[in-house]
């Protein structure tokens, strides 16, 4: 429908372009990794590093070449990195970032499909409401699951880098950060899914009356 298609712009075009670029990058990275064993694409970082935000300290010394003014203290956050990471550490480093990539890619694919079909068949349809609901639950459950996996990987990696941070619940809770933005966004999408479902039902009733 022309009117609904215009309502979805420019988001529809932007998401479509981003999906194509992302898929192209994935295909290119796969091709390069097959023909060149020296090429590697890391999501968690190849250095196997973990920052410990919860044990930051304060210093009055200069940091990164930026000299603080008088009366200013600079917070420093320890960052532990392996000089020569082994396979286990590299795997943990990979798992510390890859789930977020999967979450983002899945959300973009669902959103792209949602926008393209909605532009063709209309916004206020039960199909659109169902895909909005799917996107909302994907973001809600996926963001928490991805953060849990990444937190576990970072905790396990940290336990291999320091003797004072064992792989236990206490260290895990220190590494954990709640994905508030993703959770709130997911809840908003679920609300709009209900609104769209109600709008679709009203639209069907009006068409049946006419």
C-alpha atoms as a PDB file:
ATOM      1  CA  UNK A   1       0.000   0.000   0.000  1.00  0.00           C
ATOM      2  CA  UNK A   2       1.405   3.361  -1.077  1.00  0.00           C
ATOM      3  CA  UNK A   3       0.412   5.330   2.035  1.00  0.00           C
ATOM      4  CA  UNK A   4       1.774   2.705   4.433  1.00  0.00           C
ATOM      5  CA  UNK A   5       4.967   2.461   2.387  1.00  0.00           C
ATOM      6  CA  UNK A   6       5.578   6.195   2.801  1.00  0.00           C
ATOM      7  CA  UNK A   7       4.929   5.932   6.534  1.00  0.00           C
ATOM      8  CA  UNK A   8       7.780   3.442   6.888  1.00  0.00           C
ATOM      9  CA  UNK A   9      10.381   5.623   5.155  1.00  0.00           C
ATOM     10  CA  UNK A  10      13.242   6.354   5.600  1.00  0.00           C
ATOM     11  CA  UNK A  11      13.600   3.517   8.131  1.00  0.00           C
ATOM     12  CA  UNK A  12      12.707   0.833   5.593  1.00  0.00           C
ATOM     13  CA  UNK A  13      15.402   1.931   3.127  1.00  0.00           C
ATOM     14  CA  UNK A  14      18.062   2.391   5.820  1.00  0.00           C
ATOM     15  CA  UNK A  15      17.467  -1.056   7.343  1.00  0.00           C
ATOM     16  CA  UNK A  16      17.475  -2.678   3.908  1.00  0.00           C
ATOM     17  CA  UNK A  17      20.837  -1.092   3.079  1.00  0.00           C
ATOM     18  CA  UNK A  18      22.334  -2.048   6.446  1.00  0.00           C
ATOM     19  CA  UNK A  19      21.222  -5.671   6.040  1.00  0.00           C
ATOM     20  CA  UNK A  20      22.753  -5.873   2.565  1.00  0.00           C
ATOM     21  CA  UNK A  21      26.034  -4.362   3.771  1.00  0.00           C
ATOM     22  CA  UNK A  22      26.125  -6.699   6.773  1.00  0.00           C
ATOM     23  CA  UNK A  23      25.445  -9.801   4.687  1.00  0.00           C
ATOM     24  CA  UNK A  24      28.027  -8.683   2.157  1.00  0.00           C
ATOM     25  CA  UNK A  25      30.607  -8.245   4.919  1.00  0.00           C
ATOM     26  CA  UNK A  26      29.851 -11.702   6.290  1.00  0.00           C
ATOM     27  CA  UNK A  27      30.212 -13.311   2.861  1.00  0.00           C
ATOM     28  CA  UNK A  28      33.448 -11.402   2.231  1.00  0.00           C
ATOM     29  CA  UNK A  29      34.902 -12.344   5.610  1.00  0.00           C
ATOM     30  CA  UNK A  30      34.023 -16.006   5.023  1.00  0.00           C
ATOM     31  CA  UNK A  31      35.617 -15.967   1.573  1.00  0.00           C
ATOM     32  CA  UNK A  32      38.788 -14.294   2.850  1.00  0.00           C
ATOM     33  CA  UNK A  33      39.069 -16.724   5.759  1.00  0.00           C
ATOM     34  CA  UNK A  34      38.784 -19.671   3.354  1.00  0.00           C
ATOM     35  CA  UNK A  35      41.476 -18.426   0.976  1.00  0.00           C
ATOM     36  CA  UNK A  36      43.748 -16.681   3.482  1.00  0.00           C
ATOM     37  CA  UNK A  37      44.397 -18.443   6.780  1.00  0.00           C
ATOM     38  CA  UNK A  38      46.068 -15.299   8.161  1.00  0.00           C
ATOM     39  CA  UNK A  39      42.812 -13.345   8.021  1.00  0.00           C
ATOM     40  CA  UNK A  40      40.665 -13.591  11.128  1.00  0.00           C
ATOM     41  CA  UNK A  41      37.617 -11.608  12.162  1.00  0.00           C
ATOM     42  CA  UNK A  42      37.148 -11.326  15.900  1.00  0.00           C
ATOM     43  CA  UNK A  43      34.023 -10.200  17.755  1.00  0.00           C
ATOM     44  CA  UNK A  44      35.395 -10.343  21.261  1.00  0.00           C
ATOM     45  CA  UNK A  45      38.851  -9.107  20.404  1.00  0.00           C
ATOM     46  CA  UNK A  46      41.999 -11.068  19.554  1.00  0.00           C
ATOM     47  CA  UNK A  47      43.937  -9.794  22.601  1.00  0.00           C
ATOM     48  CA  UNK A  48      41.878 -11.741  25.184  1.00  0.00           C
ATOM     49  CA  UNK A  49      41.366  -8.743  27.473  1.00  0.00           C
ATOM     50  CA  UNK A  50      38.914  -8.047  30.301  1.00  0.00           C
ATOM     51  CA  UNK A  51      38.250  -4.706  31.996  1.00  0.00           C
ATOM     52  CA  UNK A  52      37.225  -4.735  35.668  1.00  0.00           C
ATOM     53  CA  UNK A  53      34.985  -1.680  36.003  1.00  0.00           C
ATOM     54  CA  UNK A  54      33.821  -2.551  39.499  1.00  0.00           C
ATOM     55  CA  UNK A  55      37.295  -2.190  41.033  1.00  0.00           C
ATOM     56  CA  UNK A  56      38.277   1.152  39.514  1.00  0.00           C
ATOM     57  CA  UNK A  57      40.733   3.265  41.493  1.00  0.00           C
ATOM     58  CA  UNK A  58      41.476   6.973  41.645  1.00  0.00           C
ATOM     59  CA  UNK A  59      44.740   8.694  40.874  1.00  0.00           C
ATOM     60  CA  UNK A  60      45.897  12.271  40.425  1.00  0.00           C
ATOM     61  CA  UNK A  61      48.492  11.278  37.808  1.00  0.00           C
ATOM     62  CA  UNK A  62      48.128  12.047  34.117  1.00  0.00           C
ATOM     63  CA  UNK A  63      46.213   9.491  32.052  1.00  0.00           C
ATOM     64  CA  UNK A  64      46.602   8.834  28.329  1.00  0.00           C
ATOM     65  CA  UNK A  65      48.604  12.055  27.935  1.00  0.00           C
ATOM     66  CA  UNK A  66      45.772  14.217  29.309  1.00  0.00           C
ATOM     67  CA  UNK A  67      46.959  16.143  32.361  1.00  0.00           C
ATOM     68  CA  UNK A  68      44.207  16.845  34.914  1.00  0.00           C
ATOM     69  CA  UNK A  69      43.753  20.337  36.306  1.00  0.00           C
ATOM     70  CA  UNK A  70      44.379  21.129  39.948  1.00  0.00           C
ATOM     71  CA  UNK A  71      41.847  19.475  42.240  1.00  0.00           C
ATOM     72  CA  UNK A  72      40.865  16.861  39.612  1.00  0.00           C
ATOM     73  CA  UNK A  73      41.283  13.125  40.138  1.00  0.00           C
ATOM     74  CA  UNK A  74      41.412  10.563  37.332  1.00  0.00           C
ATOM     75  CA  UNK A  75      39.635   7.209  37.673  1.00  0.00           C
ATOM     76  CA  UNK A  76      41.521   4.240  36.304  1.00  0.00           C
ATOM     77  CA  UNK A  77      40.003   0.879  35.395  1.00  0.00           C
ATOM     78  CA  UNK A  78      42.321  -2.174  35.351  1.00  0.00           C
ATOM     79  CA  UNK A  79      42.403  -4.074  32.070  1.00  0.00           C
ATOM     80  CA  UNK A  80      43.893  -7.555  32.050  1.00  0.00           C
ATOM     81  CA  UNK A  81      45.254  -8.907  28.756  1.00  0.00           C
ATOM     82  CA  UNK A  82      46.982 -12.168  27.917  1.00  0.00           C
ATOM     83  CA  UNK A  83      50.364 -11.751  26.212  1.00  0.00           C
ATOM     84  CA  UNK A  84      50.007 -15.008  24.315  1.00  0.00           C
ATOM     85  CA  UNK A  85      46.383 -16.204  24.613  1.00  0.00           C
ATOM     86  CA  UNK A  86      45.750 -19.908  24.250  1.00  0.00           C
ATOM     87  CA  UNK A  87      42.883 -21.559  22.408  1.00  0.00           C
ATOM     88  CA  UNK A  88      40.665 -21.600  25.503  1.00  0.00           C
ATOM     89  CA  UNK A  89      41.239 -17.899  26.134  1.00  0.00           C
ATOM     90  CA  UNK A  90      40.646 -17.033  22.476  1.00  0.00           C
ATOM     91  CA  UNK A  91      37.373 -18.974  22.556  1.00  0.00           C
ATOM     92  CA  UNK A  92      36.244 -17.112  25.665  1.00  0.00           C
ATOM     93  CA  UNK A  93      37.215 -13.813  24.058  1.00  0.00           C
ATOM     94  CA  UNK A  94      35.133 -14.746  21.007  1.00  0.00           C
ATOM     95  CA  UNK A  95      32.118 -15.653  23.181  1.00  0.00           C
ATOM     96  CA  UNK A  96      32.475 -12.342  25.010  1.00  0.00           C
ATOM     97  CA  UNK A  97      31.267 -10.479  21.913  1.00  0.00           C
ATOM     98  CA  UNK A  98      29.686 -12.853  19.412  1.00  0.00           C
ATOM     99  CA  UNK A  99      26.236 -13.223  21.105  1.00  0.00           C
ATOM    100  CA  UNK A 100      25.642  -9.473  20.744  1.00  0.00           C
ATOM    101  CA  UNK A 101      26.474  -9.754  17.054  1.00  0.00           C
ATOM    102  CA  UNK A 102      23.941 -12.588  16.665  1.00  0.00           C
ATOM    103  CA  UNK A 103      21.335 -10.532  18.545  1.00  0.00           C
ATOM    104  CA  UNK A 104      21.886  -7.491  16.316  1.00  0.00           C
ATOM    105  CA  UNK A 105      21.906  -9.517  13.093  1.00  0.00           C
ATOM    106  CA  UNK A 106      18.721 -11.387  13.992  1.00  0.00           C
ATOM    107  CA  UNK A 107      16.943  -8.170  14.971  1.00  0.00           C
ATOM    108  CA  UNK A 108      17.922  -6.510  11.684  1.00  0.00           C
ATOM    109  CA  UNK A 109      16.691  -9.487   9.641  1.00  0.00           C
ATOM    110  CA  UNK A 110      13.349  -9.591  11.477  1.00  0.00           C
ATOM    111  CA  UNK A 111      12.949  -5.814  11.162  1.00  0.00           C
ATOM    112  CA  UNK A 112      13.847  -5.832   7.473  1.00  0.00           C
ATOM    113  CA  UNK A 113      11.277  -8.536   6.744  1.00  0.00           C
ATOM    114  CA  UNK A 114       8.700  -6.725   8.873  1.00  0.00           C
ATOM    115  CA  UNK A 115       9.178  -3.417   7.049  1.00  0.00           C
ATOM    116  CA  UNK A 116       9.210  -4.895   3.541  1.00  0.00           C
ATOM    117  CA  UNK A 117       6.001  -6.916   4.001  1.00  0.00           C
ATOM    118  CA  UNK A 118       4.250  -4.106   5.897  1.00  0.00           C
ATOM    119  CA  UNK A 119       5.048  -1.685   3.066  1.00  0.00           C
ATOM    120  CA  UNK A 120       3.468  -4.116   0.611  1.00  0.00           C
ATOM    121  CA  UNK A 121       0.453  -5.420   2.528  1.00  0.00           C
ATOM    122  CA  UNK A 122      -0.185  -2.608   5.001  1.00  0.00           C
ATOM    123  CA  UNK A 123       0.883  -1.670   8.523  1.00  0.00           C
ATOM    124  CA  UNK A 124      -2.285  -2.571  10.416  1.00  0.00           C
ATOM    125  CA  UNK A 125      -2.385  -6.310   9.808  1.00  0.00           C
ATOM    126  CA  UNK A 126      -2.234  -9.296  12.115  1.00  0.00           C
ATOM    127  CA  UNK A 127       0.959 -10.405  10.340  1.00  0.00           C
ATOM    128  CA  UNK A 128       2.652  -7.096  11.195  1.00  0.00           C
ATOM    129  CA  UNK A 129       1.494  -7.367  14.799  1.00  0.00           C
ATOM    130  CA  UNK A 130       2.867 -10.901  14.999  1.00  0.00           C
ATOM    131  CA  UNK A 131       6.270  -9.877  13.600  1.00  0.00           C
ATOM    132  CA  UNK A 132       6.430  -6.921  15.983  1.00  0.00           C
ATOM    133  CA  UNK A 133       5.738  -9.310  18.841  1.00  0.00           C
ATOM    134  CA  UNK A 134       8.475 -11.641  17.566  1.00  0.00           C
ATOM    135  CA  UNK A 135      10.923  -8.737  17.368  1.00  0.00           C
ATOM    136  CA  UNK A 136      10.044  -7.630  20.887  1.00  0.00           C
ATOM    137  CA  UNK A 137      10.577 -11.059  22.415  1.00  0.00           C
ATOM    138  CA  UNK A 138      13.767 -11.545  20.387  1.00  0.00           C
ATOM    139  CA  UNK A 139      15.178  -8.313  21.821  1.00  0.00           C
ATOM    140  CA  UNK A 140      13.966  -8.997  25.358  1.00  0.00           C
ATOM    141  CA  UNK A 141      15.040 -12.614  25.743  1.00  0.00           C
ATOM    142  CA  UNK A 142      17.968 -12.314  23.354  1.00  0.00           C
ATOM    143  CA  UNK A 143      19.532  -9.303  25.069  1.00  0.00           C
ATOM    144  CA  UNK A 144      19.407 -10.985  28.481  1.00  0.00           C
ATOM    145  CA  UNK A 145      20.660 -14.312  27.113  1.00  0.00           C
ATOM    146  CA  UNK A 146      23.461 -12.661  25.136  1.00  0.00           C
ATOM    147  CA  UNK A 147      24.551 -10.633  28.143  1.00  0.00           C
ATOM    148  CA  UNK A 148      24.502 -13.755  30.341  1.00  0.00           C
ATOM    149  CA  UNK A 149      26.677 -15.704  27.885  1.00  0.00           C
ATOM    150  CA  UNK A 150      29.078 -12.799  27.441  1.00  0.00           C
ATOM    151  CA  UNK A 151      29.286 -12.216  31.179  1.00  0.00           C
ATOM    152  CA  UNK A 152      30.040 -15.884  31.777  1.00  0.00           C
ATOM    153  CA  UNK A 153      32.739 -15.828  29.082  1.00  0.00           C
ATOM    154  CA  UNK A 154      34.344 -12.675  30.508  1.00  0.00           C
ATOM    155  CA  UNK A 155      34.245 -14.086  34.030  1.00  0.00           C
ATOM    156  CA  UNK A 156      35.881 -17.318  32.911  1.00  0.00           C
ATOM    157  CA  UNK A 157      38.461 -15.372  30.918  1.00  0.00           C
ATOM    158  CA  UNK A 158      39.222 -13.098  33.862  1.00  0.00           C
ATOM    159  CA  UNK A 159      39.786 -16.126  36.075  1.00  0.00           C
ATOM    160  CA  UNK A 160      42.571 -17.197  33.699  1.00  0.00           C
ATOM    161  CA  UNK A 161      44.201 -13.752  33.842  1.00  0.00           C
ATOM    162  CA  UNK A 162      44.301 -13.050  37.581  1.00  0.00           C
ATOM    163  CA  UNK A 163      44.629 -15.039  40.792  1.00  0.00           C
ATOM    164  CA  UNK A 164      42.184 -12.826  42.726  1.00  0.00           C
ATOM    165  CA  UNK A 165      39.072 -13.238  40.570  1.00  0.00           C
ATOM    166  CA  UNK A 166      37.963 -16.889  40.661  1.00  0.00           C
ATOM    167  CA  UNK A 167      35.230 -18.143  38.375  1.00  0.00           C
ATOM    168  CA  UNK A 168      32.326 -17.897  40.811  1.00  0.00           C
ATOM    169  CA  UNK A 169      29.024 -16.079  41.381  1.00  0.00           C
ATOM    170  CA  UNK A 170      30.661 -13.123  43.123  1.00  0.00           C
ATOM    171  CA  UNK A 171      32.959 -12.372  40.192  1.00  0.00           C
ATOM    172  CA  UNK A 172      30.117 -13.021  37.726  1.00  0.00           C
ATOM    173  CA  UNK A 173      27.882 -10.397  39.355  1.00  0.00           C
ATOM    174  CA  UNK A 174      30.758  -7.933  39.252  1.00  0.00           C
ATOM    175  CA  UNK A 175      31.177  -8.404  35.505  1.00  0.00           C
ATOM    176  CA  UNK A 176      27.412  -8.385  34.800  1.00  0.00           C
ATOM    177  CA  UNK A 177      25.762  -5.197  33.508  1.00  0.00           C
ATOM    178  CA  UNK A 178      22.017  -5.139  32.855  1.00  0.00           C
ATOM    179  CA  UNK A 179      21.097  -4.209  29.239  1.00  0.00           C
ATOM    180  CA  UNK A 180      18.521  -1.608  30.309  1.00  0.00           C
ATOM    181  CA  UNK A 181      18.233   0.057  26.895  1.00  0.00           C
ATOM    182  CA  UNK A 182      17.593  -3.206  25.043  1.00  0.00           C
ATOM    183  CA  UNK A 183      15.057  -4.360  27.642  1.00  0.00           C
ATOM    184  CA  UNK A 184      13.138  -1.053  27.550  1.00  0.00           C
ATOM    185  CA  UNK A 185      13.207  -1.045  23.747  1.00  0.00           C
ATOM    186  CA  UNK A 186      11.862  -4.601  23.680  1.00  0.00           C
ATOM    187  CA  UNK A 187       9.043  -3.682  26.059  1.00  0.00           C
ATOM    188  CA  UNK A 188       8.159  -0.712  23.850  1.00  0.00           C
ATOM    189  CA  UNK A 189       8.059  -2.924  20.745  1.00  0.00           C
ATOM    190  CA  UNK A 190       5.780  -5.404  22.535  1.00  0.00           C
ATOM    191  CA  UNK A 191       3.425  -2.554  23.471  1.00  0.00           C
ATOM    192  CA  UNK A 192       3.318  -1.380  19.845  1.00  0.00           C
ATOM    193  CA  UNK A 193       2.628  -4.961  18.792  1.00  0.00           C
ATOM    194  CA  UNK A 194      -0.524  -4.948  20.926  1.00  0.00           C
ATOM    195  CA  UNK A 195      -1.517  -1.537  19.550  1.00  0.00           C
ATOM    196  CA  UNK A 196      -1.004  -2.750  15.985  1.00  0.00           C
ATOM    197  CA  UNK A 197      -3.020  -5.891  16.697  1.00  0.00           C
ATOM    198  CA  UNK A 198      -5.907  -3.792  18.024  1.00  0.00           C
ATOM    199  CA  UNK A 199      -5.663  -1.501  14.990  1.00  0.00           C
ATOM    200  CA  UNK A 200      -5.756  -4.492  12.660  1.00  0.00           C
ATOM    201  CA  UNK A 201      -8.858  -5.852  14.401  1.00  0.00           C
ATOM    202  CA  UNK A 202     -10.592  -2.455  14.130  1.00  0.00           C
ATOM    203  CA  UNK A 203      -9.638  -2.223  10.470  1.00  0.00           C
ATOM    204  CA  UNK A 204     -11.123  -5.669   9.773  1.00  0.00           C
ATOM    205  CA  UNK A 205     -14.325  -4.671  11.585  1.00  0.00           C
ATOM    206  CA  UNK A 206     -14.641  -1.471   9.538  1.00  0.00           C
ATOM    207  CA  UNK A 207     -14.031  -3.284   6.256  1.00  0.00           C
ATOM    208  CA  UNK A 208     -16.632  -5.885   7.247  1.00  0.00           C
ATOM    209  CA  UNK A 209     -19.143  -3.138   8.085  1.00  0.00           C
ATOM    210  CA  UNK A 210     -18.601  -1.366   4.756  1.00  0.00           C
END
